[in-house]
């Protein structure tokens, strides 16, 4: 992936692309630890992508500051 393309893609897009590539590569491998490791990486990248998308959605709001009252 070129640097220019990397800059234009969001983190969510890059994570999704990584997961897709890992799954495609895992399909070419025989069952075993290497394949399982790739599938685990793909699952983690997909979860991170979903969290990133949720965190950047318009529905997420910053916590409102609580009023500070002087101690009596």
N, C-alpha and C. Protein backbone atom coordinates (compact mmCIF):
# COMPACT_ATOMS: atom_id res chain seq x y z
N UNK A 1 0.86 -1.17 0.00
CA UNK A 1 0.00 0.00 0.00
C UNK A 1 0.91 1.23 0.00
N UNK A 2 0.66 2.15 -0.91
CA UNK A 2 1.47 3.35 -0.98
C UNK A 2 1.11 4.29 0.16
N UNK A 3 2.04 5.20 0.48
CA UNK A 3 1.83 6.15 1.57
C UNK A 3 0.65 7.06 1.27
N UNK A 4 0.48 7.48 0.02
CA UNK A 4 -0.63 8.36 -0.34
C UNK A 4 -1.97 7.65 -0.12
N UNK A 5 -2.05 6.39 -0.52
CA UNK A 5 -3.28 5.63 -0.32
C UNK A 5 -3.52 5.42 1.17
N UNK A 6 -2.45 5.16 1.92
CA UNK A 6 -2.55 4.96 3.35
C UNK A 6 -3.13 6.20 4.02
N UNK A 7 -2.71 7.38 3.59
CA UNK A 7 -3.18 8.62 4.18
C UNK A 7 -4.65 8.87 3.90
N UNK A 8 -5.15 8.39 2.78
CA UNK A 8 -6.54 8.66 2.39
C UNK A 8 -7.52 7.70 3.05
N UNK A 9 -7.05 6.54 3.50
CA UNK A 9 -7.94 5.56 4.13
C UNK A 9 -8.08 5.84 5.62
N UNK A 10 -9.26 5.64 6.14
CA UNK A 10 -9.48 5.79 7.57
C UNK A 10 -8.92 4.57 8.29
N UNK A 11 -8.76 4.69 9.59
CA UNK A 11 -8.29 3.56 10.37
C UNK A 11 -9.26 2.39 10.23
N UNK A 12 -10.54 2.68 10.25
CA UNK A 12 -11.55 1.64 10.09
C UNK A 12 -11.36 0.91 8.76
N UNK A 13 -11.12 1.66 7.69
CA UNK A 13 -10.90 1.05 6.37
C UNK A 13 -9.63 0.19 6.36
N UNK A 14 -8.56 0.69 6.97
CA UNK A 14 -7.29 -0.06 6.99
C UNK A 14 -7.44 -1.34 7.80
N UNK A 15 -8.14 -1.26 8.93
CA UNK A 15 -8.35 -2.47 9.73
C UNK A 15 -9.20 -3.49 8.99
N UNK A 16 -10.23 -3.03 8.32
CA UNK A 16 -11.08 -3.93 7.55
C UNK A 16 -10.30 -4.59 6.41
N UNK A 17 -9.47 -3.82 5.75
CA UNK A 17 -8.65 -4.36 4.66
C UNK A 17 -7.66 -5.39 5.19
N UNK A 18 -7.05 -5.10 6.34
CA UNK A 18 -6.12 -6.05 6.95
C UNK A 18 -6.83 -7.36 7.28
N UNK A 19 -8.02 -7.25 7.88
CA UNK A 19 -8.78 -8.45 8.24
C UNK A 19 -9.14 -9.26 7.01
N UNK A 20 -9.57 -8.59 5.95
CA UNK A 20 -9.93 -9.28 4.71
C UNK A 20 -8.71 -10.01 4.14
N UNK A 21 -7.56 -9.33 4.11
CA UNK A 21 -6.34 -9.95 3.58
C UNK A 21 -5.89 -11.13 4.44
N UNK A 22 -6.01 -11.01 5.76
CA UNK A 22 -5.62 -12.10 6.65
C UNK A 22 -6.52 -13.31 6.43
N UNK A 23 -7.83 -13.07 6.28
CA UNK A 23 -8.76 -14.19 6.04
C UNK A 23 -8.47 -14.87 4.69
N UNK A 24 -8.18 -14.05 3.67
CA UNK A 24 -7.85 -14.61 2.36
C UNK A 24 -6.59 -15.47 2.42
N UNK A 25 -5.59 -14.98 3.15
CA UNK A 25 -4.36 -15.75 3.28
C UNK A 25 -4.58 -17.03 4.09
N UNK A 26 -5.41 -16.93 5.12
CA UNK A 26 -5.70 -18.10 5.95
C UNK A 26 -6.40 -19.20 5.14
N UNK A 27 -7.21 -18.80 4.16
CA UNK A 27 -7.90 -19.79 3.32
C UNK A 27 -6.92 -20.65 2.53
N UNK A 28 -5.74 -20.11 2.25
CA UNK A 28 -4.75 -20.84 1.45
C UNK A 28 -3.91 -21.79 2.30
N UNK A 29 -4.01 -21.68 3.63
CA UNK A 29 -3.18 -22.50 4.51
C UNK A 29 -3.94 -23.73 4.98
N UNK A 30 -3.16 -24.75 5.29
CA UNK A 30 -3.72 -25.96 5.90
C UNK A 30 -4.07 -25.63 7.36
N UNK A 31 -5.03 -26.36 7.94
CA UNK A 31 -5.33 -26.15 9.35
C UNK A 31 -4.07 -26.31 10.21
N UNK A 32 -3.90 -25.40 11.14
CA UNK A 32 -2.73 -25.45 12.01
C UNK A 32 -2.57 -24.13 12.75
N UNK A 33 -1.48 -24.02 13.50
CA UNK A 33 -1.29 -22.83 14.33
C UNK A 33 -1.12 -21.53 13.53
N UNK A 34 -0.47 -21.61 12.38
CA UNK A 34 -0.28 -20.40 11.57
C UNK A 34 -1.62 -19.88 11.06
N UNK A 35 -2.46 -20.80 10.60
CA UNK A 35 -3.79 -20.42 10.11
C UNK A 35 -4.63 -19.84 11.25
N UNK A 36 -4.59 -20.50 12.41
CA UNK A 36 -5.35 -20.02 13.56
C UNK A 36 -4.88 -18.62 13.97
N UNK A 37 -3.58 -18.38 13.93
CA UNK A 37 -3.04 -17.07 14.29
C UNK A 37 -3.55 -15.99 13.34
N UNK A 38 -3.59 -16.30 12.05
CA UNK A 38 -4.11 -15.33 11.07
C UNK A 38 -5.59 -15.05 11.29
N UNK A 39 -6.35 -16.08 11.56
CA UNK A 39 -7.78 -15.89 11.81
C UNK A 39 -8.02 -15.08 13.09
N UNK A 40 -7.19 -15.30 14.10
CA UNK A 40 -7.31 -14.53 15.34
C UNK A 40 -6.97 -13.05 15.09
N UNK A 41 -5.94 -12.81 14.30
CA UNK A 41 -5.60 -11.43 13.95
C UNK A 41 -6.73 -10.76 13.18
N UNK A 42 -7.36 -11.51 12.29
CA UNK A 42 -8.48 -10.97 11.52
C UNK A 42 -9.64 -10.62 12.44
N UNK A 43 -9.94 -11.50 13.40
CA UNK A 43 -11.03 -11.23 14.35
C UNK A 43 -10.73 -9.99 15.19
N UNK A 44 -9.50 -9.85 15.63
CA UNK A 44 -9.12 -8.69 16.44
C UNK A 44 -9.18 -7.41 15.61
N UNK A 45 -8.76 -7.48 14.36
CA UNK A 45 -8.81 -6.29 13.49
C UNK A 45 -10.25 -5.89 13.23
N UNK A 46 -11.14 -6.87 13.04
CA UNK A 46 -12.55 -6.56 12.83
C UNK A 46 -13.17 -5.93 14.07
N UNK A 47 -12.81 -6.45 15.24
CA UNK A 47 -13.34 -5.88 16.49
C UNK A 47 -12.83 -4.45 16.67
N UNK A 48 -11.56 -4.23 16.40
CA UNK A 48 -10.99 -2.89 16.51
C UNK A 48 -11.64 -1.94 15.52
N UNK A 49 -11.94 -2.42 14.33
CA UNK A 49 -12.60 -1.62 13.31
C UNK A 49 -13.99 -1.19 13.78
N UNK A 50 -14.72 -2.13 14.39
CA UNK A 50 -16.06 -1.81 14.88
C UNK A 50 -16.00 -0.82 16.04
N UNK A 51 -15.03 -0.98 16.93
CA UNK A 51 -14.89 -0.05 18.05
C UNK A 51 -14.51 1.33 17.54
N UNK A 52 -13.60 1.39 16.60
CA UNK A 52 -13.18 2.67 16.01
C UNK A 52 -14.36 3.37 15.34
N UNK A 53 -15.15 2.63 14.59
CA UNK A 53 -16.32 3.21 13.92
C UNK A 53 -17.32 3.72 14.95
N UNK A 54 -17.54 2.95 16.01
CA UNK A 54 -18.46 3.37 17.05
C UNK A 54 -17.95 4.63 17.76
N UNK A 55 -16.66 4.64 18.08
CA UNK A 55 -16.09 5.78 18.81
C UNK A 55 -16.15 7.06 17.99
N UNK A 56 -16.08 6.93 16.68
CA UNK A 56 -16.10 8.12 15.82
C UNK A 56 -17.48 8.44 15.27
N UNK A 57 -18.50 7.70 15.70
CA UNK A 57 -19.83 7.96 15.18
C UNK A 57 -20.39 9.23 15.82
N UNK A 58 -21.37 9.81 15.18
CA UNK A 58 -21.95 11.06 15.67
C UNK A 58 -22.79 10.84 16.92
N UNK A 59 -23.14 9.61 17.22
CA UNK A 59 -23.95 9.32 18.39
C UNK A 59 -23.17 9.37 19.70
N UNK A 60 -21.84 9.28 19.60
CA UNK A 60 -21.02 9.30 20.79
C UNK A 60 -20.76 10.75 21.19
N UNK A 61 -21.03 11.05 22.42
CA UNK A 61 -20.82 12.41 22.90
C UNK A 61 -19.83 12.40 24.05
N UNK A 62 -19.13 13.51 24.19
CA UNK A 62 -18.20 13.65 25.31
C UNK A 62 -19.01 13.78 26.59
N UNK A 63 -18.46 13.29 27.68
CA UNK A 63 -19.16 13.44 28.94
C UNK A 63 -19.31 14.92 29.31
N UNK A 64 -20.44 15.26 29.88
CA UNK A 64 -20.66 16.64 30.30
C UNK A 64 -19.92 16.87 31.61
N UNK A 65 -19.26 18.01 31.73
CA UNK A 65 -18.55 18.27 32.99
C UNK A 65 -19.54 18.43 34.14
N UNK A 66 -19.19 17.87 35.26
CA UNK A 66 -20.04 17.99 36.43
C UNK A 66 -19.69 19.28 37.14
N UNK A 67 -20.70 19.95 37.69
CA UNK A 67 -20.42 21.19 38.41
C UNK A 67 -19.61 20.90 39.67
N UNK A 68 -18.70 21.78 39.96
CA UNK A 68 -17.87 21.63 41.15
C UNK A 68 -18.41 22.58 42.21
N UNK A 69 -18.76 22.01 43.36
CA UNK A 69 -19.30 22.83 44.45
C UNK A 69 -18.22 22.97 45.51
N UNK A 70 -18.07 24.17 46.05
CA UNK A 70 -17.06 24.35 47.12
C UNK A 70 -17.48 23.57 48.36
N UNK A 71 -16.48 23.04 49.04
CA UNK A 71 -16.75 22.30 50.26
C UNK A 71 -17.13 23.26 51.38
N UNK A 72 -18.05 22.84 52.20
CA UNK A 72 -18.49 23.71 53.29
C UNK A 72 -17.61 23.59 54.49
